[in-house]
Amino acid sequence: MQTRTRVLTGTALALALGAGTFGAVSASASASTAPTARAESAPAAPAKDKNFTTSTHLTIDAASRAARAALDAAEKEGQKVTVAVVDRSGNTLVTLRGDGAGPQSYESAERKAFTAVSWNAPTSVLAGRLAQAPNLKDIPGTLFLAGGAPVQASGAPVAGIGVAGAPSGDLDEKFAKAGVDSLAK
């Protein structure tokens, strides 16, 4: 049994030494070729891939400024409104509920903003389309009343601003446009 133990121990020791030597040689070889390998694997300029696209998004800072501008425009005229800014997908970025704004105005502002960005048009224009296509009003999350305005970048919709709570949709939309206009400054 002792002989067998010595043979196994010797074999294990020889393998360990061999692996250590091989590892040192490999490490030395890779260290000498490392700069070349790094230079060869430097990333090339990204190729155009038809499977992907890039998109423009409104920053939270810009969304906040636009919402504030819309609310300020309403307050200057003594109107108590809620302003909502949504992204291209309809996710709410900012909602500001003005002092005294009605409880229904919160959801209405979000839905107007979503409707404006979805169709890349002011909601007053879209409300007129209901005569030709009355089923539009059945699309979930939409509200075809004046008060929503799209935010565009290079003609494409990137966000929507909705205002609700003024006595008329025309006023709501005027305030929403003030928010959009503030982004151009």
Protein backbone atom coordinates (compact mmCIF):
# COMPACT_ATOMS: atom_id res chain seq x y z
CA MET A 1 0.00 0.00 0.00
CA GLN A 2 2.86 2.35 0.73
CA THR A 3 4.28 1.90 -2.73
CA ARG A 4 0.95 2.66 -4.29
CA THR A 5 0.60 5.82 -2.17
CA ARG A 6 4.09 6.93 -3.21
CA VAL A 7 3.31 6.39 -6.89
CA LEU A 8 0.05 8.32 -6.67
CA THR A 9 1.68 11.16 -4.72
CA GLY A 10 4.58 11.32 -7.17
CA THR A 11 2.23 11.33 -10.13
CA ALA A 12 0.13 14.12 -8.60
CA LEU A 13 3.27 16.13 -7.86
CA ALA A 14 4.57 15.67 -11.42
CA LEU A 15 1.23 16.76 -12.85
CA ALA A 16 1.15 19.82 -10.61
CA LEU A 17 4.67 20.83 -11.58
CA GLY A 18 3.92 20.24 -15.24
CA ALA A 19 0.76 22.34 -15.04
CA GLY A 20 2.65 25.12 -13.24
CA THR A 21 5.37 25.13 -15.88
CA PHE A 22 2.81 25.08 -18.68
CA GLY A 23 0.90 27.91 -16.99
CA ALA A 24 4.05 30.01 -16.65
CA VAL A 25 4.96 29.45 -20.30
CA SER A 26 1.41 30.26 -21.38
CA ALA A 27 1.32 33.39 -19.23
CA SER A 28 4.66 34.49 -20.63
CA ALA A 29 3.52 33.85 -24.18
CA SER A 30 0.25 35.68 -23.73
CA ALA A 31 2.02 38.64 -22.07
CA SER A 32 4.31 39.00 -25.05
CA THR A 33 1.40 38.84 -27.51
CA ALA A 34 -1.09 40.79 -25.40
CA PRO A 35 -0.52 44.20 -27.05
CA THR A 36 -0.93 42.68 -30.50
CA ALA A 37 -4.07 40.84 -29.43
CA ARG A 38 -5.57 44.01 -28.00
CA ALA A 39 -4.79 45.97 -31.13
CA GLU A 40 -6.37 43.32 -33.31
CA SER A 41 -9.52 43.15 -31.21
CA ALA A 42 -10.10 46.90 -31.08
CA PRO A 43 -13.76 47.57 -31.87
CA ALA A 44 -14.45 48.75 -35.36
CA ALA A 45 -16.92 51.50 -36.14
CA PRO A 46 -20.46 50.25 -35.59
CA ALA A 47 -21.97 48.91 -38.77
CA LYS A 48 -25.48 49.84 -39.83
CA ASP A 49 -27.75 47.05 -38.70
CA LYS A 50 -31.20 46.93 -40.22
CA ASN A 51 -32.47 45.09 -37.15
CA PHE A 52 -32.10 48.09 -34.83
CA THR A 53 -33.15 51.70 -34.74
CA THR A 54 -32.40 54.61 -32.49
CA SER A 55 -34.96 56.98 -31.13
CA THR A 56 -35.08 60.39 -29.53
CA HIS A 57 -36.51 60.81 -26.06
CA LEU A 58 -37.53 63.86 -24.08
CA THR A 59 -35.36 64.23 -20.98
CA ILE A 60 -37.00 64.45 -17.58
CA ASP A 61 -35.61 67.98 -17.27
CA ALA A 62 -37.20 69.04 -20.56
CA ALA A 63 -40.48 67.32 -19.63
CA SER A 64 -40.50 69.14 -16.29
CA ARG A 65 -39.81 72.52 -17.93
CA ALA A 66 -42.56 71.96 -20.50
CA ALA A 67 -45.07 70.94 -17.83
CA ARG A 68 -44.16 73.97 -15.74
CA ALA A 69 -44.51 76.29 -18.75
CA ALA A 70 -47.97 74.89 -19.52
CA LEU A 71 -49.08 75.22 -15.89
CA ASP A 72 -47.67 78.78 -15.67
CA ALA A 73 -49.58 79.76 -18.83
CA ALA A 74 -52.81 78.45 -17.31
CA GLU A 75 -52.20 80.14 -13.96
CA LYS A 76 -51.58 83.49 -15.70
CA GLU A 77 -55.13 83.23 -17.02
CA GLY A 78 -56.54 82.12 -13.68
CA GLN A 79 -57.18 78.54 -14.80
CA LYS A 80 -56.89 75.55 -12.47
CA VAL A 81 -55.54 72.68 -14.56
CA THR A 82 -53.47 69.54 -14.51
CA VAL A 83 -50.62 69.07 -16.96
CA ALA A 84 -49.23 65.68 -17.98
CA VAL A 85 -46.23 64.87 -20.16
CA VAL A 86 -45.89 61.35 -21.56
CA ASP A 87 -43.13 59.73 -23.60
CA ARG A 88 -43.51 58.14 -27.03
CA SER A 89 -44.84 54.94 -25.48
CA GLY A 90 -47.41 56.79 -23.38
CA ASN A 91 -45.54 56.40 -20.09
CA THR A 92 -46.06 59.37 -17.81
CA LEU A 93 -42.90 61.43 -17.32
CA VAL A 94 -44.33 64.34 -15.34
CA THR A 95 -47.72 65.33 -14.00
CA LEU A 96 -48.34 68.66 -12.31
CA ARG A 97 -51.70 69.21 -10.70
CA GLY A 98 -52.32 72.90 -10.21
CA ASP A 99 -53.87 74.24 -7.04
CA GLY A 100 -57.60 73.72 -7.17
CA ALA A 101 -57.59 71.51 -10.28
CA GLY A 102 -60.52 69.10 -10.39
CA PRO A 103 -60.06 65.41 -9.60
CA GLN A 104 -61.02 64.36 -13.15
CA SER A 105 -58.31 66.53 -14.67
CA TYR A 106 -55.44 64.23 -13.68
CA GLU A 107 -56.50 61.24 -15.79
CA SER A 108 -57.86 63.44 -18.57
CA ALA A 109 -54.53 65.26 -18.96
CA GLU A 110 -52.63 61.96 -19.21
CA ARG A 111 -55.06 60.54 -21.76
CA LYS A 112 -54.95 63.69 -23.89
CA ALA A 113 -51.13 63.59 -23.86
CA PHE A 114 -51.17 59.91 -24.85
CA THR A 115 -53.64 60.56 -27.65
CA ALA A 116 -51.57 63.46 -29.04
CA VAL A 117 -48.32 61.48 -29.12
CA SER A 118 -50.00 58.35 -30.47
CA TRP A 119 -51.32 60.14 -33.57
CA ASN A 120 -48.69 62.92 -33.71
CA ALA A 121 -51.44 65.53 -33.87
CA PRO A 122 -53.20 67.98 -31.57
CA THR A 123 -56.21 66.36 -29.97
CA SER A 124 -58.51 69.09 -31.30
CA VAL A 125 -57.69 67.87 -34.83
CA LEU A 126 -58.20 64.27 -33.80
CA ALA A 127 -61.56 65.06 -32.18
CA GLY A 128 -62.74 66.18 -35.62
CA ARG A 129 -61.86 62.77 -37.06
CA LEU A 130 -64.44 61.05 -34.84
CA ALA A 131 -67.16 61.94 -37.34
CA GLN A 132 -65.49 59.75 -39.97
CA ALA A 133 -64.24 57.07 -37.57
CA PRO A 134 -66.35 57.00 -34.38
CA ASN A 135 -64.61 53.80 -33.19
CA LEU A 136 -61.42 55.77 -32.51
CA LYS A 137 -62.87 56.70 -29.13
CA ASP A 138 -62.87 53.02 -28.19
CA ILE A 139 -59.06 52.74 -28.23
CA PRO A 140 -57.92 52.24 -24.63
CA GLY A 141 -56.18 55.16 -22.95
CA THR A 142 -57.22 57.76 -25.49
CA LEU A 143 -59.33 60.88 -25.07
CA PHE A 144 -60.45 62.78 -28.15
CA LEU A 145 -61.02 66.18 -26.58
CA ALA A 146 -58.98 69.30 -27.28
CA GLY A 147 -56.09 69.81 -24.87
CA GLY A 148 -53.30 67.56 -26.08
CA ALA A 149 -50.30 68.50 -28.22
CA PRO A 150 -47.49 66.33 -29.59
CA VAL A 151 -43.82 67.10 -29.03
CA GLN A 152 -41.82 66.39 -32.17
CA ALA A 153 -38.17 65.89 -33.05
CA SER A 154 -37.46 65.98 -36.79
CA GLY A 155 -41.18 65.64 -37.45
CA ALA A 156 -41.53 62.44 -35.41
CA PRO A 157 -43.50 62.30 -32.16
CA VAL A 158 -41.34 61.88 -29.05
CA ALA A 159 -43.77 62.98 -26.33
CA GLY A 160 -47.19 64.42 -25.69
CA ILE A 161 -48.41 67.18 -23.41
CA GLY A 162 -51.96 67.09 -22.15
CA VAL A 163 -53.82 69.73 -20.18
CA ALA A 164 -57.22 69.34 -18.56
CA GLY A 165 -59.40 71.39 -16.26
CA ALA A 166 -59.95 74.70 -18.06
CA PRO A 167 -63.54 75.51 -19.03
CA SER A 168 -62.83 74.71 -22.69
CA GLY A 169 -60.63 72.35 -24.65
CA ASP A 170 -59.37 75.29 -26.67
CA LEU A 171 -57.85 76.79 -23.52
CA ASP A 172 -56.42 73.42 -22.47
CA GLU A 173 -54.78 73.05 -25.86
CA LYS A 174 -53.46 76.62 -25.79
CA PHE A 175 -51.67 75.79 -22.51
CA ALA A 176 -50.37 72.48 -23.86
CA LYS A 177 -48.91 74.33 -26.85
CA ALA A 178 -47.24 76.77 -24.47
CA GLY A 179 -45.49 73.75 -22.98
CA VAL A 180 -44.41 72.52 -26.41
CA ASP A 181 -43.24 76.01 -27.39
CA SER A 182 -41.12 76.27 -24.25
CA LEU A 183 -38.96 73.40 -25.53
CA ALA A 184 -37.85 75.47 -28.53
CA LYS A 185 -36.32 78.15 -26.29
